[in-house]
Amino acid sequence: MTAFNVVRFRIKPGMEGAFLDAHRGLGADWQGLRHANIIKTGDGRHCIIAEWESMEALAEARPKMIATLDSFRHTLEDLGNGLGVTDPVSGAVVLEVR
């Protein structure tokens, strides 16, 4: 069953280019990743939204996702409220609308 993950970030001033560069070519060798997009949700605020073939594929890719995060962690601001620098969620599709 198709799955998605969404991760919210806040980028340090002047670091948006480095943040985006760290994601170019993202997942070229990540088995099960269908596609991923980064959206800008506000000043310095971004989300990555990725579609996966299954929750299993998403789970298997977590070590690679963490390694990628480690490569650009220095570009991120703490989100506050104990979240750290990311706010990730994931889950299986329960209703496909279109």
PDB file of N, CA and C in Angstrom:
ATOM      1  N   MET A   1       0.837  -1.174   0.000  1.00  0.00           N
ATOM      2  CA  MET A   1       0.000   0.000   0.000  1.00  0.00           C
ATOM      3  C   MET A   1       0.891   1.250   0.000  1.00  0.00           C
ATOM      4  N   THR A   2       0.543   2.226  -0.795  1.00  0.00           N
ATOM      5  CA  THR A   2       1.287   3.476  -0.902  1.00  0.00           C
ATOM      6  C   THR A   2       1.385   4.169   0.453  1.00  0.00           C
ATOM      7  N   ALA A   3       2.541   4.808   0.681  1.00  0.00           N
ATOM      8  CA  ALA A   3       2.770   5.546   1.923  1.00  0.00           C
ATOM      9  C   ALA A   3       3.401   6.896   1.594  1.00  0.00           C
ATOM     10  N   PHE A   4       3.260   7.825   2.512  1.00  0.00           N
ATOM     11  CA  PHE A   4       3.863   9.150   2.376  1.00  0.00           C
ATOM     12  C   PHE A   4       4.600   9.496   3.659  1.00  0.00           C
ATOM     13  N   ASN A   5       5.638  10.313   3.515  1.00  0.00           N
ATOM     14  CA  ASN A   5       6.210  10.955   4.687  1.00  0.00           C
ATOM     15  C   ASN A   5       6.326  12.444   4.406  1.00  0.00           C
ATOM     16  N   VAL A   6       6.149  13.210   5.460  1.00  0.00           N
ATOM     17  CA  VAL A   6       6.208  14.668   5.403  1.00  0.00           C
ATOM     18  C   VAL A   6       7.126  15.116   6.536  1.00  0.00           C
ATOM     19  N   VAL A   7       8.073  15.989   6.204  1.00  0.00           N
ATOM     20  CA  VAL A   7       8.983  16.507   7.225  1.00  0.00           C
ATOM     21  C   VAL A   7       9.003  18.025   7.109  1.00  0.00           C
ATOM     22  N   ARG A   8       8.775  18.672   8.235  1.00  0.00           N
ATOM     23  CA  ARG A   8       8.762  20.135   8.296  1.00  0.00           C
ATOM     24  C   ARG A   8      10.105  20.628   8.813  1.00  0.00           C
ATOM     25  N   PHE A   9      10.610  21.704   8.167  1.00  0.00           N
ATOM     26  CA  PHE A   9      11.898  22.295   8.526  1.00  0.00           C
ATOM     27  C   PHE A   9      11.763  23.811   8.626  1.00  0.00           C
ATOM     28  N   ARG A  10      12.656  24.417   9.416  1.00  0.00           N
ATOM     29  CA  ARG A  10      12.832  25.865   9.407  1.00  0.00           C
ATOM     30  C   ARG A  10      14.312  26.100   9.091  1.00  0.00           C
ATOM     31  N   ILE A  11      14.566  26.841   8.016  1.00  0.00           N
ATOM     32  CA  ILE A  11      15.917  27.048   7.511  1.00  0.00           C
ATOM     33  C   ILE A  11      16.505  28.323   8.118  1.00  0.00           C
ATOM     34  N   LYS A  12      17.780  28.252   8.495  1.00  0.00           N
ATOM     35  CA  LYS A  12      18.477  29.434   8.997  1.00  0.00           C
ATOM     36  C   LYS A  12      18.562  30.488   7.893  1.00  0.00           C
ATOM     37  N   PRO A  13      18.521  31.760   8.254  1.00  0.00           N
ATOM     38  CA  PRO A  13      18.656  32.823   7.249  1.00  0.00           C
ATOM     39  C   PRO A  13      19.937  32.638   6.430  1.00  0.00           C
ATOM     40  N   GLY A  14      19.794  32.771   5.104  1.00  0.00           N
ATOM     41  CA  GLY A  14      20.924  32.656   4.205  1.00  0.00           C
ATOM     42  C   GLY A  14      21.331  31.239   3.857  1.00  0.00           C
ATOM     43  N   MET A  15      20.618  30.230   4.362  1.00  0.00           N
ATOM     44  CA  MET A  15      21.005  28.831   4.153  1.00  0.00           C
ATOM     45  C   MET A  15      20.064  28.058   3.227  1.00  0.00           C
ATOM     46  N   GLU A  16      19.079  28.745   2.618  1.00  0.00           N
ATOM     47  CA  GLU A  16      18.115  28.035   1.783  1.00  0.00           C
ATOM     48  C   GLU A  16      18.804  27.319   0.621  1.00  0.00           C
ATOM     49  N   GLY A  17      19.776  27.972  -0.022  1.00  0.00           N
ATOM     50  CA  GLY A  17      20.487  27.346  -1.142  1.00  0.00           C
ATOM     51  C   GLY A  17      21.189  26.069  -0.728  1.00  0.00           C
ATOM     52  N   ALA A  18      21.871  26.091   0.414  1.00  0.00           N
ATOM     53  CA  ALA A  18      22.566  24.901   0.911  1.00  0.00           C
ATOM     54  C   ALA A  18      21.571  23.798   1.260  1.00  0.00           C
ATOM     55  N   PHE A  19      20.437  24.183   1.837  1.00  0.00           N
ATOM     56  CA  PHE A  19      19.387  23.216   2.167  1.00  0.00           C
ATOM     57  C   PHE A  19      18.877  22.536   0.897  1.00  0.00           C
ATOM     58  N   LEU A  20      18.553  23.331  -0.117  1.00  0.00           N
ATOM     59  CA  LEU A  20      18.038  22.767  -1.365  1.00  0.00           C
ATOM     60  C   LEU A  20      19.107  21.940  -2.080  1.00  0.00           C
ATOM     61  N   ASP A  21      20.352  22.418  -2.089  1.00  0.00           N
ATOM     62  CA  ASP A  21      21.434  21.668  -2.730  1.00  0.00           C
ATOM     63  C   ASP A  21      21.606  20.287  -2.117  1.00  0.00           C
ATOM     64  N   ALA A  22      21.417  20.181  -0.815  1.00  0.00           N
ATOM     65  CA  ALA A  22      21.562  18.894  -0.128  1.00  0.00           C
ATOM     66  C   ALA A  22      20.512  17.883  -0.579  1.00  0.00           C
ATOM     67  N   HIS A  23      19.441  18.360  -1.211  1.00  0.00           N
ATOM     68  CA  HIS A  23      18.361  17.475  -1.646  1.00  0.00           C
ATOM     69  C   HIS A  23      18.382  17.167  -3.145  1.00  0.00           C
ATOM     70  N   ARG A  24      19.259  17.819  -3.893  1.00  0.00           N
ATOM     71  CA  ARG A  24      19.316  17.555  -5.337  1.00  0.00           C
ATOM     72  C   ARG A  24      19.815  16.123  -5.541  1.00  0.00           C
ATOM     73  N   GLY A  25      19.117  15.372  -6.373  1.00  0.00           N
ATOM     74  CA  GLY A  25      19.480  13.979  -6.594  1.00  0.00           C
ATOM     75  C   GLY A  25      19.070  13.064  -5.458  1.00  0.00           C
ATOM     76  N   LEU A  26      18.291  13.605  -4.535  1.00  0.00           N
ATOM     77  CA  LEU A  26      17.846  12.849  -3.366  1.00  0.00           C
ATOM     78  C   LEU A  26      17.182  11.543  -3.773  1.00  0.00           C
ATOM     79  N   GLY A  27      17.571  10.482  -3.133  1.00  0.00           N
ATOM     80  CA  GLY A  27      16.877   9.215  -3.277  1.00  0.00           C
ATOM     81  C   GLY A  27      17.088   8.488  -4.586  1.00  0.00           C
ATOM     82  N   ALA A  28      18.083   8.872  -5.360  1.00  0.00           N
ATOM     83  CA  ALA A  28      18.312   8.199  -6.646  1.00  0.00           C
ATOM     84  C   ALA A  28      18.474   6.695  -6.461  1.00  0.00           C
ATOM     85  N   ASP A  29      19.023   6.286  -5.330  1.00  0.00           N
ATOM     86  CA  ASP A  29      19.223   4.855  -5.069  1.00  0.00           C
ATOM     87  C   ASP A  29      18.370   4.351  -3.906  1.00  0.00           C
ATOM     88  N   TRP A  30      17.308   5.097  -3.590  1.00  0.00           N
ATOM     89  CA  TRP A  30      16.433   4.696  -2.495  1.00  0.00           C
ATOM     90  C   TRP A  30      15.312   3.826  -3.044  1.00  0.00           C
ATOM     91  N   GLN A  31      15.391   2.545  -2.767  1.00  0.00           N
ATOM     92  CA  GLN A  31      14.404   1.583  -3.251  1.00  0.00           C
ATOM     93  C   GLN A  31      13.018   1.932  -2.717  1.00  0.00           C
ATOM     94  N   GLY A  32      12.044   2.009  -3.611  1.00  0.00           N
ATOM     95  CA  GLY A  32      10.661   2.239  -3.199  1.00  0.00           C
ATOM     96  C   GLY A  32      10.213   3.686  -3.183  1.00  0.00           C
ATOM     97  N   LEU A  33      11.144   4.635  -3.350  1.00  0.00           N
ATOM     98  CA  LEU A  33      10.754   6.041  -3.406  1.00  0.00           C
ATOM     99  C   LEU A  33      10.195   6.355  -4.785  1.00  0.00           C
ATOM    100  N   ARG A  34       8.957   6.792  -4.836  1.00  0.00           N
ATOM    101  CA  ARG A  34       8.335   7.143  -6.115  1.00  0.00           C
ATOM    102  C   ARG A  34       8.686   8.552  -6.536  1.00  0.00           C
ATOM    103  N   HIS A  35       8.496   9.512  -5.650  1.00  0.00           N
ATOM    104  CA  HIS A  35       8.918  10.883  -5.910  1.00  0.00           C
ATOM    105  C   HIS A  35       8.872  11.685  -4.612  1.00  0.00           C
ATOM    106  N   ALA A  36       9.561  12.818  -4.649  1.00  0.00           N
ATOM    107  CA  ALA A  36       9.599  13.701  -3.489  1.00  0.00           C
ATOM    108  C   ALA A  36       9.584  15.136  -3.972  1.00  0.00           C
ATOM    109  N   ASN A  37       8.952  15.987  -3.193  1.00  0.00           N
ATOM    110  CA  ASN A  37       8.884  17.412  -3.494  1.00  0.00           C
ATOM    111  C   ASN A  37       9.171  18.200  -2.230  1.00  0.00           C
ATOM    112  N   ILE A  38       9.824  19.345  -2.417  1.00  0.00           N
ATOM    113  CA  ILE A  38      10.018  20.287  -1.315  1.00  0.00           C
ATOM    114  C   ILE A  38       9.148  21.493  -1.616  1.00  0.00           C
ATOM    115  N   ILE A  39       8.354  21.873  -0.631  1.00  0.00           N
ATOM    116  CA  ILE A  39       7.508  23.051  -0.796  1.00  0.00           C
ATOM    117  C   ILE A  39       7.929  24.104   0.218  1.00  0.00           C
ATOM    118  N   LYS A  40       7.794  25.355  -0.180  1.00  0.00           N
ATOM    119  CA  LYS A  40       8.078  26.471   0.723  1.00  0.00           C
ATOM    120  C   LYS A  40       6.748  26.898   1.327  1.00  0.00           C
ATOM    121  N   THR A  41       6.663  26.851   2.647  1.00  0.00           N
ATOM    122  CA  THR A  41       5.393  27.135   3.324  1.00  0.00           C
ATOM    123  C   THR A  41       5.382  28.497   3.997  1.00  0.00           C
ATOM    124  N   GLY A  42       6.495  29.200   3.938  1.00  0.00           N
ATOM    125  CA  GLY A  42       6.596  30.522   4.545  1.00  0.00           C
ATOM    126  C   GLY A  42       8.041  30.959   4.549  1.00  0.00           C
ATOM    127  N   ASP A  43       8.308  32.082   5.142  1.00  0.00           N
ATOM    128  CA  ASP A  43       9.652  32.612   5.198  1.00  0.00           C
ATOM    129  C   ASP A  43      10.552  31.666   5.993  1.00  0.00           C
ATOM    130  N   GLY A  44      11.488  31.023   5.312  1.00  0.00           N
ATOM    131  CA  GLY A  44      12.398  30.093   5.967  1.00  0.00           C
ATOM    132  C   GLY A  44      11.780  28.761   6.341  1.00  0.00           C
ATOM    133  N   ARG A  45      10.566  28.522   5.936  1.00  0.00           N
ATOM    134  CA  ARG A  45       9.860  27.285   6.302  1.00  0.00           C
ATOM    135  C   ARG A  45       9.614  26.438   5.055  1.00  0.00           C
ATOM    136  N   HIS A  46       9.954  25.157   5.177  1.00  0.00           N
ATOM    137  CA  HIS A  46       9.824  24.221   4.068  1.00  0.00           C
ATOM    138  C   HIS A  46       9.318  22.880   4.586  1.00  0.00           C
ATOM    139  N   CYS A  47       8.722  22.112   3.678  1.00  0.00           N
ATOM    140  CA  CYS A  47       8.338  20.731   3.956  1.00  0.00           C
ATOM    141  C   CYS A  47       8.790  19.871   2.787  1.00  0.00           C
ATOM    142  N   ILE A  48       9.216  18.676   3.090  1.00  0.00           N
ATOM    143  CA  ILE A  48       9.441  17.687   2.049  1.00  0.00           C
ATOM    144  C   ILE A  48       8.298  16.687   2.142  1.00  0.00           C
ATOM    145  N   ILE A  49       7.753  16.347   0.989  1.00  0.00           N
ATOM    146  CA  ILE A  49       6.651  15.396   0.915  1.00  0.00           C
ATOM    147  C   ILE A  49       7.085  14.308  -0.056  1.00  0.00           C
ATOM    148  N   ALA A  50       7.134  13.072   0.403  1.00  0.00           N
ATOM    149  CA  ALA A  50       7.623  11.974  -0.423  1.00  0.00           C
ATOM    150  C   ALA A  50       6.590  10.853  -0.484  1.00  0.00           C
ATOM    151  N   GLU A  51       6.480  10.269  -1.662  1.00  0.00           N
ATOM    152  CA  GLU A  51       5.586   9.124  -1.874  1.00  0.00           C
ATOM    153  C   GLU A  51       6.428   7.867  -2.012  1.00  0.00           C
ATOM    154  N   TRP A  52       5.998   6.823  -1.320  1.00  0.00           N
ATOM    155  CA  TRP A  52       6.711   5.549  -1.279  1.00  0.00           C
ATOM    156  C   TRP A  52       5.806   4.418  -1.747  1.00  0.00           C
ATOM    157  N   GLU A  53       6.405   3.370  -2.234  1.00  0.00           N
ATOM    158  CA  GLU A  53       5.632   2.192  -2.659  1.00  0.00           C
ATOM    159  C   GLU A  53       4.906   1.539  -1.486  1.00  0.00           C
ATOM    160  N   SER A  54       5.499   1.624  -0.287  1.00  0.00           N
ATOM    161  CA  SER A  54       4.910   0.973   0.887  1.00  0.00           C
ATOM    162  C   SER A  54       5.537   1.535   2.157  1.00  0.00           C
ATOM    163  N   MET A  55       4.907   1.265   3.291  1.00  0.00           N
ATOM    164  CA  MET A  55       5.478   1.640   4.578  1.00  0.00           C
ATOM    165  C   MET A  55       6.784   0.894   4.817  1.00  0.00           C
ATOM    166  N   GLU A  56       6.874  -0.322   4.315  1.00  0.00           N
ATOM    167  CA  GLU A  56       8.099  -1.100   4.477  1.00  0.00           C
ATOM    168  C   GLU A  56       9.263  -0.432   3.750  1.00  0.00           C
ATOM    169  N   ALA A  57       9.024   0.034   2.517  1.00  0.00           N
ATOM    170  CA  ALA A  57      10.069   0.721   1.757  1.00  0.00           C
ATOM    171  C   ALA A  57      10.490   1.999   2.474  1.00  0.00           C
ATOM    172  N   LEU A  58       9.522   2.736   2.995  1.00  0.00           N
ATOM    173  CA  LEU A  58       9.819   3.958   3.735  1.00  0.00           C
ATOM    174  C   LEU A  58      10.679   3.628   4.959  1.00  0.00           C
ATOM    175  N   ALA A  59      10.296   2.625   5.705  1.00  0.00           N
ATOM    176  CA  ALA A  59      11.034   2.244   6.913  1.00  0.00           C
ATOM    177  C   ALA A  59      12.460   1.812   6.577  1.00  0.00           C
ATOM    178  N   GLU A  60      12.626   1.080   5.489  1.00  0.00           N
ATOM    179  CA  GLU A  60      13.960   0.621   5.088  1.00  0.00           C
ATOM    180  C   GLU A  60      14.859   1.783   4.685  1.00  0.00           C
ATOM    181  N   ALA A  61      14.269   2.874   4.222  1.00  0.00           N
ATOM    182  CA  ALA A  61      15.048   4.037   3.783  1.00  0.00           C
ATOM    183  C   ALA A  61      15.396   4.989   4.918  1.00  0.00           C
ATOM    184  N   ARG A  62      14.870   4.779   6.102  1.00  0.00           N
ATOM    185  CA  ARG A  62      15.115   5.721   7.209  1.00  0.00           C
ATOM    186  C   ARG A  62      16.600   5.956   7.485  1.00  0.00           C
ATOM    187  N   PRO A  63      17.461   4.940   7.492  1.00  0.00           N
ATOM    188  CA  PRO A  63      18.885   5.232   7.717  1.00  0.00           C
ATOM    189  C   PRO A  63      19.464   6.181   6.661  1.00  0.00           C
ATOM    190  N   LYS A  64      19.039   6.055   5.416  1.00  0.00           N
ATOM    191  CA  LYS A  64      19.507   6.963   4.363  1.00  0.00           C
ATOM    192  C   LYS A  64      18.923   8.362   4.557  1.00  0.00           C
ATOM    193  N   MET A  65      17.676   8.429   5.004  1.00  0.00           N
ATOM    194  CA  MET A  65      17.078   9.737   5.283  1.00  0.00           C
ATOM    195  C   MET A  65      17.821  10.438   6.410  1.00  0.00           C
ATOM    196  N   ILE A  66      18.189   9.699   7.441  1.00  0.00           N
ATOM    197  CA  ILE A  66      18.917  10.287   8.567  1.00  0.00           C
ATOM    198  C   ILE A  66      20.307  10.736   8.121  1.00  0.00           C
ATOM    199  N   ALA A  67      20.961   9.948   7.294  1.00  0.00           N
ATOM    200  CA  ALA A  67      22.283  10.334   6.781  1.00  0.00           C
ATOM    201  C   ALA A  67      22.179  11.607   5.951  1.00  0.00           C
ATOM    202  N   THR A  68      21.123  11.723   5.155  1.00  0.00           N
ATOM    203  CA  THR A  68      20.918  12.938   4.371  1.00  0.00           C
ATOM    204  C   THR A  68      20.676  14.121   5.298  1.00  0.00           C
ATOM    205  N   LEU A  69      19.832  13.943   6.306  1.00  0.00           N
ATOM    206  CA  LEU A  69      19.587  14.996   7.288  1.00  0.00           C
ATOM    207  C   LEU A  69      20.896  15.450   7.928  1.00  0.00           C
ATOM    208  N   ASP A  70      21.737  14.508   8.273  1.00  0.00           N
ATOM    209  CA  ASP A  70      23.009  14.866   8.906  1.00  0.00           C
ATOM    210  C   ASP A  70      23.874  15.736   7.998  1.00  0.00           C
ATOM    211  N   SER A  71      23.695  15.608   6.673  1.00  0.00           N
ATOM    212  CA  SER A  71      24.503  16.390   5.732  1.00  0.00           C
ATOM    213  C   SER A  71      24.074  17.855   5.656  1.00  0.00           C
ATOM    214  N   PHE A  72      22.857  18.172   6.089  1.00  0.00           N
ATOM    215  CA  PHE A  72      22.396  19.560   6.037  1.00  0.00           C
ATOM    216  C   PHE A  72      21.833  20.062   7.374  1.00  0.00           C
ATOM    217  N   ARG A  73      22.025  19.304   8.417  1.00  0.00           N
ATOM    218  CA  ARG A  73      21.519  19.675   9.745  1.00  0.00           C
ATOM    219  C   ARG A  73      21.971  21.082  10.156  1.00  0.00           C
ATOM    220  N   HIS A  74      23.173  21.466   9.736  1.00  0.00           N
ATOM    221  CA  HIS A  74      23.722  22.782  10.091  1.00  0.00           C
ATOM    222  C   HIS A  74      22.931  23.940   9.472  1.00  0.00           C
ATOM    223  N   THR A  75      22.065  23.655   8.500  1.00  0.00           N
ATOM    224  CA  THR A  75      21.271  24.703   7.850  1.00  0.00           C
ATOM    225  C   THR A  75      19.942  24.945   8.559  1.00  0.00           C
ATOM    226  N   LEU A  76      19.632  24.145   9.568  1.00  0.00           N
ATOM    227  CA  LEU A  76      18.299  24.155  10.181  1.00  0.00           C
ATOM    228  C   LEU A  76      18.275  24.857  11.527  1.00  0.00           C
ATOM    229  N   GLU A  77      17.129  25.483  11.800  1.00  0.00           N
ATOM    230  CA  GLU A  77      16.855  26.064  13.113  1.00  0.00           C
ATOM    231  C   GLU A  77      15.995  25.095  13.914  1.00  0.00           C
ATOM    232  N   ASP A  78      16.128  25.138  15.203  1.00  0.00           N
ATOM    233  CA  ASP A  78      15.288  24.344  16.090  1.00  0.00           C
ATOM    234  C   ASP A  78      13.844  24.823  15.943  1.00  0.00           C
ATOM    235  N   LEU A  79      12.916  23.891  15.847  1.00  0.00           N
ATOM    236  CA  LEU A  79      11.497  24.229  15.690  1.00  0.00           C
ATOM    237  C   LEU A  79      10.834  24.603  17.016  1.00  0.00           C
ATOM    238  N   GLY A  80      11.496  24.329  18.110  1.00  0.00           N
ATOM    239  CA  GLY A  80      10.933  24.647  19.421  1.00  0.00           C
ATOM    240  C   GLY A  80      10.015  23.559  19.940  1.00  0.00           C
ATOM    241  N   ASN A  81       9.504  23.758  21.118  1.00  0.00           N
ATOM    242  CA  ASN A  81       8.570  22.822  21.772  1.00  0.00           C
ATOM    243  C   ASN A  81       9.113  21.404  21.850  1.00  0.00           C
ATOM    244  N   GLY A  82      10.443  21.260  21.938  1.00  0.00           N
ATOM    245  CA  GLY A  82      11.051  19.943  22.073  1.00  0.00           C
ATOM    246  C   GLY A  82      11.136  19.134  20.791  1.00  0.00           C
ATOM    247  N   LEU A  83      10.789  19.730  19.642  1.00  0.00           N
ATOM    248  CA  LEU A  83      10.804  18.992  18.381  1.00  0.00           C
ATOM    249  C   LEU A  83      12.210  18.780  17.832  1.00  0.00           C
ATOM    250  N   GLY A  84      13.130  19.679  18.105  1.00  0.00           N
ATOM    251  CA  GLY A  84      14.434  19.624  17.455  1.00  0.00           C
ATOM    252  C   GLY A  84      14.356  20.318  16.111  1.00  0.00           C
ATOM    253  N   VAL A  85      15.136  19.851  15.134  1.00  0.00           N
ATOM    254  CA  VAL A  85      15.203  20.541  13.844  1.00  0.00           C
ATOM    255  C   VAL A  85      14.261  19.979  12.785  1.00  0.00           C
ATOM    256  N   THR A  86      13.529  18.906  13.094  1.00  0.00           N
ATOM    257  CA  THR A  86      12.562  18.353  12.136  1.00  0.00           C
ATOM    258  C   THR A  86      11.264  18.001  12.834  1.00  0.00           C
ATOM    259  N   ASP A  87      10.205  17.976  12.057  1.00  0.00           N
ATOM    260  CA  ASP A  87       8.894  17.538  12.538  1.00  0.00           C
ATOM    261  C   ASP A  87       8.367  16.523  11.530  1.00  0.00           C
ATOM    262  N   PRO A  88       8.774  15.238  11.653  1.00  0.00           N
ATOM    263  CA  PRO A  88       8.395  14.225  10.667  1.00  0.00           C
ATOM    264  C   PRO A  88       7.109  13.485  11.032  1.00  0.00           C
ATOM    265  N   VAL A  89       6.344  13.155  10.010  1.00  0.00           N
ATOM    266  CA  VAL A  89       5.204  12.257  10.142  1.00  0.00           C
ATOM    267  C   VAL A  89       5.174  11.354   8.915  1.00  0.00           C
ATOM    268  N   SER A  90       4.583  10.182   9.055  1.00  0.00           N
ATOM    269  CA  SER A  90       4.449   9.274   7.922  1.00  0.00           C
ATOM    270  C   SER A  90       3.265   8.363   8.138  1.00  0.00           C
ATOM    271  N   GLY A  91       2.795   7.791   7.051  1.00  0.00           N
ATOM    272  CA  GLY A  91       1.682   6.857   7.154  1.00  0.00           C
ATOM    273  C   GLY A  91       1.249   6.312   5.822  1.00  0.00           C
ATOM    274  N   ALA A  92       0.449   5.279   5.881  1.00  0.00           N
ATOM    275  CA  ALA A  92      -0.093   4.638   4.682  1.00  0.00           C
ATOM    276  C   ALA A  92      -1.308   5.401   4.188  1.00  0.00           C
ATOM    277  N   VAL A  93      -1.515   5.379   2.906  1.00  0.00           N
ATOM    278  CA  VAL A  93      -2.670   6.023   2.299  1.00  0.00           C
ATOM    279  C   VAL A  93      -3.935   5.259   2.721  1.00  0.00           C
ATOM    280  N   VAL A  94      -4.939   5.991   3.206  1.00  0.00           N
ATOM    281  CA  VAL A  94      -6.202   5.372   3.591  1.00  0.00           C
ATOM    282  C   VAL A  94      -7.346   5.757   2.664  1.00  0.00           C
ATOM    283  N   LEU A  95      -7.142   6.801   1.846  1.00  0.00           N
ATOM    284  CA  LEU A  95      -8.138   7.220   0.864  1.00  0.00           C
ATOM    285  C   LEU A  95      -7.417   7.914  -0.275  1.00  0.00           C
ATOM    286  N   GLU A  96      -7.568   7.371  -1.455  1.00  0.00           N
ATOM    287  CA  GLU A  96      -7.005   8.019  -2.642  1.00  0.00           C
ATOM    288  C   GLU A  96      -8.116   8.785  -3.335  1.00  0.00           C
ATOM    289  N   VAL A  97      -7.946  10.098  -3.444  1.00  0.00           N
ATOM    290  CA  VAL A  97      -9.001  10.949  -3.978  1.00  0.00           C
ATOM    291  C   VAL A  97      -8.910  11.088  -5.481  1.00  0.00           C
ATOM    292  N   ARG A  98      -7.705  11.238  -6.003  1.00  0.00           N
ATOM    293  CA  ARG A  98      -7.559  11.421  -7.443  1.00  0.00           C
ATOM    294  C   ARG A  98      -6.303  10.781  -7.935  1.00  0.00           C
TER     295      ARG A  98
END
